[in-house]
Amino acid sequence: DAEILIFDEPFRGLDAKTVDWFRGYLTQLKQ
């Protein structure tokens, strides 16, 4: 539950469903 998140090419190798989940999750964390 870190305050700072650093991702280097995090979507590479992920399926489309996980990419959508991860984008939404990061948006929540930003908020």
PDB file of all heavy atoms in Angstrom:
ATOM      1  N   ASP A   1       0.832  -1.207   0.000  1.00  0.00           N
ATOM      2  CA  ASP A   1       0.000   0.000   0.000  1.00  0.00           C
ATOM      3  C   ASP A   1       0.866   1.256   0.000  1.00  0.00           C
ATOM      4  O   ASP A   1       0.652   2.194   0.777  1.00  0.00           O
ATOM      5  CB  ASP A   1      -0.920  -0.014   1.226  1.00  0.00           C
ATOM      6  CG  ASP A   1      -2.197   0.787   1.003  1.00  0.00           C
ATOM      7  OD1 ASP A   1      -2.583   0.962  -0.158  1.00  0.00           O
ATOM      8  OD2 ASP A   1      -2.781   1.258   1.992  1.00  0.00           O
ATOM      9  N   ALA A   2       1.860   1.279  -0.882  1.00  0.00           N
ATOM     10  CA  ALA A   2       2.876   2.335  -0.890  1.00  0.00           C
ATOM     11  C   ALA A   2       2.313   3.686  -1.295  1.00  0.00           C
ATOM     12  O   ALA A   2       1.336   3.771  -2.047  1.00  0.00           O
ATOM     13  CB  ALA A   2       4.012   1.946  -1.836  1.00  0.00           C
ATOM     14  N   GLU A   3       2.953   4.741  -0.791  1.00  0.00           N
ATOM     15  CA  GLU A   3       2.574   6.105  -1.137  1.00  0.00           C
ATOM     16  C   GLU A   3       3.137   6.527  -2.486  1.00  0.00           C
ATOM     17  O   GLU A   3       2.601   7.417  -3.144  1.00  0.00           O
ATOM     18  CB  GLU A   3       3.060   7.070  -0.049  1.00  0.00           C
ATOM     19  CG  GLU A   3       2.390   6.885   1.304  1.00  0.00           C
ATOM     20  CD  GLU A   3       0.909   7.211   1.253  1.00  0.00           C
ATOM     21  OE1 GLU A   3       0.537   8.163   0.548  1.00  0.00           O
ATOM     22  OE2 GLU A   3       0.132   6.505   1.912  1.00  0.00           O
ATOM     23  N   ILE A   4       4.259   5.909  -2.886  1.00  0.00           N
ATOM     24  CA  ILE A   4       4.890   6.196  -4.176  1.00  0.00           C
ATOM     25  C   ILE A   4       4.980   4.892  -4.948  1.00  0.00           C
ATOM     26  O   ILE A   4       5.430   3.872  -4.422  1.00  0.00           O
ATOM     27  CB  ILE A   4       6.297   6.798  -3.999  1.00  0.00           C
ATOM     28  CG1 ILE A   4       6.216   8.175  -3.337  1.00  0.00           C
ATOM     29  CG2 ILE A   4       7.021   6.895  -5.340  1.00  0.00           C
ATOM     30  CD1 ILE A   4       7.562   8.770  -2.989  1.00  0.00           C
ATOM     31  N   LEU A   5       4.533   4.919  -6.196  1.00  0.00           N
ATOM     32  CA  LEU A   5       4.560   3.733  -7.044  1.00  0.00           C
ATOM     33  C   LEU A   5       5.311   4.053  -8.332  1.00  0.00           C
ATOM     34  O   LEU A   5       5.011   5.048  -9.000  1.00  0.00           O
ATOM     35  CB  LEU A   5       3.137   3.271  -7.364  1.00  0.00           C
ATOM     36  CG  LEU A   5       2.351   2.757  -6.154  1.00  0.00           C
ATOM     37  CD1 LEU A   5       0.861   2.751  -6.451  1.00  0.00           C
ATOM     38  CD2 LEU A   5       2.828   1.384  -5.756  1.00  0.00           C
ATOM     39  N   ILE A   6       6.287   3.204  -8.666  1.00  0.00           N
ATOM     40  CA  ILE A   6       7.131   3.420  -9.836  1.00  0.00           C
ATOM     41  C   ILE A   6       7.052   2.171 -10.710  1.00  0.00           C
ATOM     42  O   ILE A   6       7.373   1.067 -10.258  1.00  0.00           O
ATOM     43  CB  ILE A   6       8.586   3.700  -9.433  1.00  0.00           C
ATOM     44  CG1 ILE A   6       8.655   4.971  -8.565  1.00  0.00           C
ATOM     45  CG2 ILE A   6       9.475   3.829 -10.652  1.00  0.00           C
ATOM     46  CD1 ILE A   6      10.019   5.244  -7.977  1.00  0.00           C
ATOM     47  N   PHE A   7       6.624   2.348 -11.947  1.00  0.00           N
ATOM     48  CA  PHE A   7       6.405   1.213 -12.846  1.00  0.00           C
ATOM     49  C   PHE A   7       7.149   1.434 -14.156  1.00  0.00           C
ATOM     50  O   PHE A   7       6.894   2.399 -14.865  1.00  0.00           O
ATOM     51  CB  PHE A   7       4.920   1.043 -13.141  1.00  0.00           C
ATOM     52  CG  PHE A   7       4.081   0.767 -11.926  1.00  0.00           C
ATOM     53  CD1 PHE A   7       3.271   1.760 -11.399  1.00  0.00           C
ATOM     54  CD2 PHE A   7       4.105  -0.471 -11.314  1.00  0.00           C
ATOM     55  CE1 PHE A   7       2.489   1.518 -10.288  1.00  0.00           C
ATOM     56  CE2 PHE A   7       3.332  -0.722 -10.190  1.00  0.00           C
ATOM     57  CZ  PHE A   7       2.521   0.268  -9.676  1.00  0.00           C
ATOM     58  N   ASP A   8       8.046   0.515 -14.465  1.00  0.00           N
ATOM     59  CA  ASP A   8       8.819   0.554 -15.704  1.00  0.00           C
ATOM     60  C   ASP A   8       8.256  -0.508 -16.644  1.00  0.00           C
ATOM     61  O   ASP A   8       8.426  -1.703 -16.410  1.00  0.00           O
ATOM     62  CB  ASP A   8      10.291   0.268 -15.380  1.00  0.00           C
ATOM     63  CG  ASP A   8      11.195   0.384 -16.593  1.00  0.00           C
ATOM     64  OD1 ASP A   8      10.799   1.051 -17.568  1.00  0.00           O
ATOM     65  OD2 ASP A   8      12.300  -0.196 -16.560  1.00  0.00           O
ATOM     66  N   GLU A   9       7.556  -0.090 -17.694  1.00  0.00           N
ATOM     67  CA  GLU A   9       6.915  -0.993 -18.660  1.00  0.00           C
ATOM     68  C   GLU A   9       6.054  -2.048 -17.958  1.00  0.00           C
ATOM     69  O   GLU A   9       6.205  -3.258 -18.198  1.00  0.00           O
ATOM     70  CB  GLU A   9       7.980  -1.677 -19.531  1.00  0.00           C
ATOM     71  CG  GLU A   9       8.806  -0.739 -20.375  1.00  0.00           C
ATOM     72  CD  GLU A   9       8.013  -0.104 -21.520  1.00  0.00           C
ATOM     73  OE1 GLU A   9       6.900  -0.574 -21.797  1.00  0.00           O
ATOM     74  OE2 GLU A   9       8.519   0.850 -22.119  1.00  0.00           O
ATOM     75  N   PRO A  10       5.120  -1.644 -17.096  1.00  0.00           N
ATOM     76  CA  PRO A  10       4.375  -2.632 -16.311  1.00  0.00           C
ATOM     77  C   PRO A  10       3.358  -3.438 -17.105  1.00  0.00           C
ATOM     78  O   PRO A  10       2.935  -4.508 -16.669  1.00  0.00           O
ATOM     79  CB  PRO A  10       3.661  -1.767 -15.272  1.00  0.00           C
ATOM     80  CG  PRO A  10       3.451  -0.461 -15.970  1.00  0.00           C
ATOM     81  CD  PRO A  10       4.691  -0.266 -16.804  1.00  0.00           C
ATOM     82  N   PHE A  11       2.938  -2.948 -18.268  1.00  0.00           N
ATOM     83  CA  PHE A  11       1.888  -3.624 -19.027  1.00  0.00           C
ATOM     84  C   PHE A  11       2.418  -4.688 -19.977  1.00  0.00           C
ATOM     85  O   PHE A  11       1.644  -5.469 -20.522  1.00  0.00           O
ATOM     86  CB  PHE A  11       1.076  -2.602 -19.828  1.00  0.00           C
ATOM     87  CG  PHE A  11       0.394  -1.580 -18.965  1.00  0.00           C
ATOM     88  CD1 PHE A  11       0.915  -0.307 -18.828  1.00  0.00           C
ATOM     89  CD2 PHE A  11      -0.754  -1.902 -18.275  1.00  0.00           C
ATOM     90  CE1 PHE A  11       0.293   0.637 -18.033  1.00  0.00           C
ATOM     91  CE2 PHE A  11      -1.394  -0.968 -17.470  1.00  0.00           C
ATOM     92  CZ  PHE A  11      -0.862   0.302 -17.346  1.00  0.00           C
ATOM     93  N   ARG A  12       3.722  -4.715 -20.171  1.00  0.00           N
ATOM     94  CA  ARG A  12       4.306  -5.656 -21.119  1.00  0.00           C
ATOM     95  C   ARG A  12       4.061  -7.094 -20.644  1.00  0.00           C
ATOM     96  O   ARG A  12       4.388  -7.460 -19.525  1.00  0.00           O
ATOM     97  CB  ARG A  12       5.804  -5.396 -21.256  1.00  0.00           C
ATOM     98  CG  ARG A  12       6.501  -6.267 -22.287  1.00  0.00           C
ATOM     99  CD  ARG A  12       7.962  -5.888 -22.413  1.00  0.00           C
ATOM    100  NE  ARG A  12       8.121  -4.563 -22.983  1.00  0.00           N
ATOM    101  CZ  ARG A  12       9.247  -3.859 -22.907  1.00  0.00           C
ATOM    102  NH1 ARG A  12      10.292  -4.338 -22.248  1.00  0.00           N
ATOM    103  NH2 ARG A  12       9.330  -2.664 -23.478  1.00  0.00           N
ATOM    104  N   GLY A  13       3.470  -7.903 -21.511  1.00  0.00           N
ATOM    105  CA  GLY A  13       3.227  -9.298 -21.178  1.00  0.00           C
ATOM    106  C   GLY A  13       1.898  -9.568 -20.511  1.00  0.00           C
ATOM    107  O   GLY A  13       1.547 -10.723 -20.273  1.00  0.00           O
ATOM    108  N   LEU A  14       1.135  -8.523 -20.195  1.00  0.00           N
ATOM    109  CA  LEU A  14      -0.157  -8.711 -19.533  1.00  0.00           C
ATOM    110  C   LEU A  14      -1.272  -8.883 -20.552  1.00  0.00           C
ATOM    111  O   LEU A  14      -1.252  -8.285 -21.626  1.00  0.00           O
ATOM    112  CB  LEU A  14      -0.470  -7.505 -18.640  1.00  0.00           C
ATOM    113  CG  LEU A  14       0.404  -7.288 -17.409  1.00  0.00           C
ATOM    114  CD1 LEU A  14      -0.044  -6.024 -16.679  1.00  0.00           C
ATOM    115  CD2 LEU A  14       0.354  -8.481 -16.466  1.00  0.00           C
ATOM    116  N   ASP A  15      -2.270  -9.677 -20.202  1.00  0.00           N
ATOM    117  CA  ASP A  15      -3.436  -9.818 -21.056  1.00  0.00           C
ATOM    118  C   ASP A  15      -4.316  -8.579 -20.945  1.00  0.00           C
ATOM    119  O   ASP A  15      -4.192  -7.783 -20.001  1.00  0.00           O
ATOM    120  CB  ASP A  15      -4.237 -11.057 -20.656  1.00  0.00           C
ATOM    121  CG  ASP A  15      -4.692 -11.012 -19.211  1.00  0.00           C
ATOM    122  OD1 ASP A  15      -3.914 -11.454 -18.337  1.00  0.00           O
ATOM    123  OD2 ASP A  15      -5.796 -10.512 -18.947  1.00  0.00           O
ATOM    124  N   ALA A  16      -5.216  -8.409 -21.906  1.00  0.00           N
ATOM    125  CA  ALA A  16      -6.034  -7.193 -21.987  1.00  0.00           C
ATOM    126  C   ALA A  16      -6.886  -6.997 -20.731  1.00  0.00           C
ATOM    127  O   ALA A  16      -7.057  -5.862 -20.264  1.00  0.00           O
ATOM    128  CB  ALA A  16      -6.924  -7.248 -23.222  1.00  0.00           C
ATOM    129  N   LYS A  17      -7.410  -8.078 -20.171  1.00  0.00           N
ATOM    130  CA  LYS A  17      -8.244  -7.971 -18.969  1.00  0.00           C
ATOM    131  C   LYS A  17      -7.454  -7.421 -17.803  1.00  0.00           C
ATOM    132  O   LYS A  17      -7.930  -6.543 -17.059  1.00  0.00           O
ATOM    133  CB  LYS A  17      -8.820  -9.343 -18.620  1.00  0.00           C
ATOM    134  CG  LYS A  17      -9.734  -9.331 -17.407  1.00  0.00           C
ATOM    135  CD  LYS A  17     -10.280 -10.723 -17.127  1.00  0.00           C
ATOM    136  CE  LYS A  17     -11.156 -10.713 -15.873  1.00  0.00           C
ATOM    137  NZ  LYS A  17     -11.680 -12.078 -15.577  1.00  0.00           N
ATOM    138  N   THR A  18      -6.224  -7.901 -17.618  1.00  0.00           N
ATOM    139  CA  THR A  18      -5.388  -7.427 -16.515  1.00  0.00           C
ATOM    140  C   THR A  18      -4.958  -5.984 -16.746  1.00  0.00           C
ATOM    141  O   THR A  18      -4.875  -5.193 -15.801  1.00  0.00           O
ATOM    142  CB  THR A  18      -4.154  -8.329 -16.348  1.00  0.00           C
ATOM    143  OG1 THR A  18      -4.580  -9.684 -16.179  1.00  0.00           O
ATOM    144  CG2 THR A  18      -3.334  -7.914 -15.139  1.00  0.00           C
ATOM    145  N   VAL A  19      -4.676  -5.624 -17.998  1.00  0.00           N
ATOM    146  CA  VAL A  19      -4.318  -4.236 -18.321  1.00  0.00           C
ATOM    147  C   VAL A  19      -5.448  -3.294 -17.918  1.00  0.00           C
ATOM    148  O   VAL A  19      -5.220  -2.261 -17.284  1.00  0.00           O
ATOM    149  CB  VAL A  19      -3.994  -4.087 -19.825  1.00  0.00           C
ATOM    150  CG1 VAL A  19      -3.907  -2.611 -20.213  1.00  0.00           C
ATOM    151  CG2 VAL A  19      -2.683  -4.787 -20.158  1.00  0.00           C
ATOM    152  N   ASP A  20      -6.683  -3.650 -18.264  1.00  0.00           N
ATOM    153  CA  ASP A  20      -7.837  -2.813 -17.899  1.00  0.00           C
ATOM    154  C   ASP A  20      -7.972  -2.702 -16.381  1.00  0.00           C
ATOM    155  O   ASP A  20      -8.230  -1.618 -15.845  1.00  0.00           O
ATOM    156  CB  ASP A  20      -9.120  -3.392 -18.491  1.00  0.00           C
ATOM    157  CG  ASP A  20      -9.206  -3.197 -19.997  1.00  0.00           C
ATOM    158  OD1 ASP A  20      -8.473  -2.341 -20.523  1.00  0.00           O
ATOM    159  OD2 ASP A  20     -10.004  -3.909 -20.643  1.00  0.00           O
ATOM    160  N   TRP A  21      -7.809  -3.838 -15.686  1.00  0.00           N
ATOM    161  CA  TRP A  21      -7.898  -3.821 -14.219  1.00  0.00           C
ATOM    162  C   TRP A  21      -6.821  -2.916 -13.627  1.00  0.00           C
ATOM    163  O   TRP A  21      -7.097  -2.092 -12.744  1.00  0.00           O
ATOM    164  CB  TRP A  21      -7.743  -5.240 -13.654  1.00  0.00           C
ATOM    165  CG  TRP A  21      -7.713  -5.248 -12.149  1.00  0.00           C
ATOM    166  CD1 TRP A  21      -8.788  -5.306 -11.303  1.00  0.00           C
ATOM    167  CD2 TRP A  21      -6.546  -5.152 -11.314  1.00  0.00           C
ATOM    168  NE1 TRP A  21      -8.362  -5.254  -9.988  1.00  0.00           N
ATOM    169  CE2 TRP A  21      -6.997  -5.157  -9.970  1.00  0.00           C
ATOM    170  CE3 TRP A  21      -5.179  -5.054 -11.575  1.00  0.00           C
ATOM    171  CZ2 TRP A  21      -6.119  -5.078  -8.884  1.00  0.00           C
ATOM    172  CZ3 TRP A  21      -4.302  -4.968 -10.500  1.00  0.00           C
ATOM    173  CH2 TRP A  21      -4.759  -4.982  -9.171  1.00  0.00           C
ATOM    174  N   PHE A  22      -5.606  -3.060 -14.125  1.00  0.00           N
ATOM    175  CA  PHE A  22      -4.473  -2.323 -13.565  1.00  0.00           C
ATOM    176  C   PHE A  22      -4.618  -0.825 -13.805  1.00  0.00           C
ATOM    177  O   PHE A  22      -4.335  -0.012 -12.919  1.00  0.00           O
ATOM    178  CB  PHE A  22      -3.179  -2.855 -14.172  1.00  0.00           C
ATOM    179  CG  PHE A  22      -1.931  -2.306 -13.532  1.00  0.00           C
ATOM    180  CD1 PHE A  22      -1.826  -2.179 -12.164  1.00  0.00           C
ATOM    181  CD2 PHE A  22      -0.851  -1.928 -14.316  1.00  0.00           C
ATOM    182  CE1 PHE A  22      -0.677  -1.675 -11.576  1.00  0.00           C
ATOM    183  CE2 PHE A  22       0.300  -1.426 -13.748  1.00  0.00           C
ATOM    184  CZ  PHE A  22       0.395  -1.302 -12.373  1.00  0.00           C
ATOM    185  N   ARG A  23      -5.055  -0.446 -15.001  1.00  0.00           N
ATOM    186  CA  ARG A  23      -5.278   0.979 -15.276  1.00  0.00           C
ATOM    187  C   ARG A  23      -6.306   1.554 -14.299  1.00  0.00           C
ATOM    188  O   ARG A  23      -6.114   2.642 -13.740  1.00  0.00           O
ATOM    189  CB  ARG A  23      -5.756   1.172 -16.713  1.00  0.00           C
ATOM    190  CG  ARG A  23      -4.696   0.995 -17.771  1.00  0.00           C
ATOM    191  CD  ARG A  23      -5.319   1.098 -19.151  1.00  0.00           C
ATOM    192  NE  ARG A  23      -4.342   0.973 -20.219  1.00  0.00           N
ATOM    193  CZ  ARG A  23      -4.650   0.793 -21.488  1.00  0.00           C
ATOM    194  NH1 ARG A  23      -5.932   0.721 -21.854  1.00  0.00           N
ATOM    195  NH2 ARG A  23      -3.715   0.688 -22.411  1.00  0.00           N
ATOM    196  N   GLY A  24      -7.403   0.826 -14.108  1.00  0.00           N
ATOM    197  CA  GLY A  24      -8.434   1.291 -13.177  1.00  0.00           C
ATOM    198  C   GLY A  24      -7.927   1.369 -11.753  1.00  0.00           C
ATOM    199  O   GLY A  24      -8.242   2.316 -11.019  1.00  0.00           O
ATOM    200  N   TYR A  25      -7.125   0.388 -11.352  1.00  0.00           N
ATOM    201  CA  TYR A  25      -6.593   0.367  -9.986  1.00  0.00           C
ATOM    202  C   TYR A  25      -5.651   1.545  -9.749  1.00  0.00           C
ATOM    203  O   TYR A  25      -5.706   2.201  -8.699  1.00  0.00           O
ATOM    204  CB  TYR A  25      -5.871  -0.955  -9.738  1.00  0.00           C
ATOM    205  CG  TYR A  25      -5.528  -1.200  -8.281  1.00  0.00           C
ATOM    206  CD1 TYR A  25      -6.522  -1.554  -7.368  1.00  0.00           C
ATOM    207  CD2 TYR A  25      -4.225  -1.066  -7.831  1.00  0.00           C
ATOM    208  CE1 TYR A  25      -6.212  -1.772  -6.038  1.00  0.00           C
ATOM    209  CE2 TYR A  25      -3.904  -1.280  -6.500  1.00  0.00           C
ATOM    210  CZ  TYR A  25      -4.907  -1.637  -5.608  1.00  0.00           C
ATOM    211  OH  TYR A  25      -4.592  -1.839  -4.287  1.00  0.00           O
ATOM    212  N   LEU A  26      -4.805   1.828 -10.730  1.00  0.00           N
ATOM    213  CA  LEU A  26      -3.890   2.965 -10.589  1.00  0.00           C
ATOM    214  C   LEU A  26      -4.646   4.285 -10.533  1.00  0.00           C
ATOM    215  O   LEU A  26      -4.253   5.207  -9.808  1.00  0.00           O
ATOM    216  CB  LEU A  26      -2.885   2.985 -11.739  1.00  0.00           C
ATOM    217  CG  LEU A  26      -1.820   1.886 -11.735  1.00  0.00           C
ATOM    218  CD1 LEU A  26      -0.828   2.111 -12.867  1.00  0.00           C
ATOM    219  CD2 LEU A  26      -1.081   1.829 -10.405  1.00  0.00           C
ATOM    220  N   THR A  27      -5.716   4.395 -11.297  1.00  0.00           N
ATOM    221  CA  THR A  27      -6.541   5.607 -11.245  1.00  0.00           C
ATOM    222  C   THR A  27      -7.120   5.798  -9.847  1.00  0.00           C
ATOM    223  O   THR A  27      -7.133   6.921  -9.319  1.00  0.00           O
ATOM    224  CB  THR A  27      -7.666   5.530 -12.286  1.00  0.00           C
ATOM    225  OG1 THR A  27      -7.097   5.410 -13.597  1.00  0.00           O
ATOM    226  CG2 THR A  27      -8.526   6.785 -12.242  1.00  0.00           C
ATOM    227  N   GLN A  28      -7.573   4.716  -9.223  1.00  0.00           N
ATOM    228  CA  GLN A  28      -8.080   4.797  -7.851  1.00  0.00           C
ATOM    229  C   GLN A  28      -6.986   5.241  -6.885  1.00  0.00           C
ATOM    230  O   GLN A  28      -7.211   6.087  -6.010  1.00  0.00           O
ATOM    231  CB  GLN A  28      -8.617   3.437  -7.407  1.00  0.00           C
ATOM    232  CG  GLN A  28      -9.876   2.981  -8.116  1.00  0.00           C
ATOM    233  CD  GLN A  28     -10.302   1.599  -7.662  1.00  0.00           C
ATOM    234  OE1 GLN A  28     -10.084   1.211  -6.522  1.00  0.00           O
ATOM    235  NE2 GLN A  28     -10.886   0.838  -8.564  1.00  0.00           N
ATOM    236  N   LEU A  29      -5.786   4.678  -7.044  1.00  0.00           N
ATOM    237  CA  LEU A  29      -4.677   5.038  -6.150  1.00  0.00           C
ATOM    238  C   LEU A  29      -4.299   6.506  -6.312  1.00  0.00           C
ATOM    239  O   LEU A  29      -3.992   7.190  -5.324  1.00  0.00           O
ATOM    240  CB  LEU A  29      -3.477   4.138  -6.434  1.00  0.00           C
ATOM    241  CG  LEU A  29      -3.643   2.660  -6.074  1.00  0.00           C
ATOM    242  CD1 LEU A  29      -2.379   1.879  -6.439  1.00  0.00           C
ATOM    243  CD2 LEU A  29      -3.940   2.482  -4.587  1.00  0.00           C
ATOM    244  N   LYS A  30      -4.324   6.984  -7.545  1.00  0.00           N
ATOM    245  CA  LYS A  30      -4.017   8.402  -7.783  1.00  0.00           C
ATOM    246  C   LYS A  30      -5.037   9.287  -7.071  1.00  0.00           C
ATOM    247  O   LYS A  30      -4.673  10.293  -6.443  1.00  0.00           O
ATOM    248  CB  LYS A  30      -4.000   8.687  -9.282  1.00  0.00           C
ATOM    249  CG  LYS A  30      -3.670  10.126  -9.637  1.00  0.00           C
ATOM    250  CD  LYS A  30      -3.569  10.313 -11.146  1.00  0.00           C
ATOM    251  CE  LYS A  30      -4.899  10.129 -11.834  1.00  0.00           C
ATOM    252  NZ  LYS A  30      -4.840  10.498 -13.275  1.00  0.00           N
ATOM    253  N   GLN A  31      -6.303   8.910  -7.137  1.00  0.00           N
ATOM    254  CA  GLN A  31      -7.355   9.680  -6.475  1.00  0.00           C
ATOM    255  C   GLN A  31      -7.210   9.658  -4.956  1.00  0.00           C
ATOM    256  O   GLN A  31      -7.694  10.553  -4.265  1.00  0.00           O
ATOM    257  CB  GLN A  31      -8.721   9.137  -6.900  1.00  0.00           C
ATOM    258  CG  GLN A  31      -9.056   9.395  -8.363  1.00  0.00           C
ATOM    259  CD  GLN A  31     -10.275   8.628  -8.848  1.00  0.00           C
ATOM    260  OE1 GLN A  31     -10.771   7.725  -8.165  1.00  0.00           O
ATOM    261  NE2 GLN A  31     -10.769   8.968 -10.032  1.00  0.00           N
TER     262      GLN A  31
END
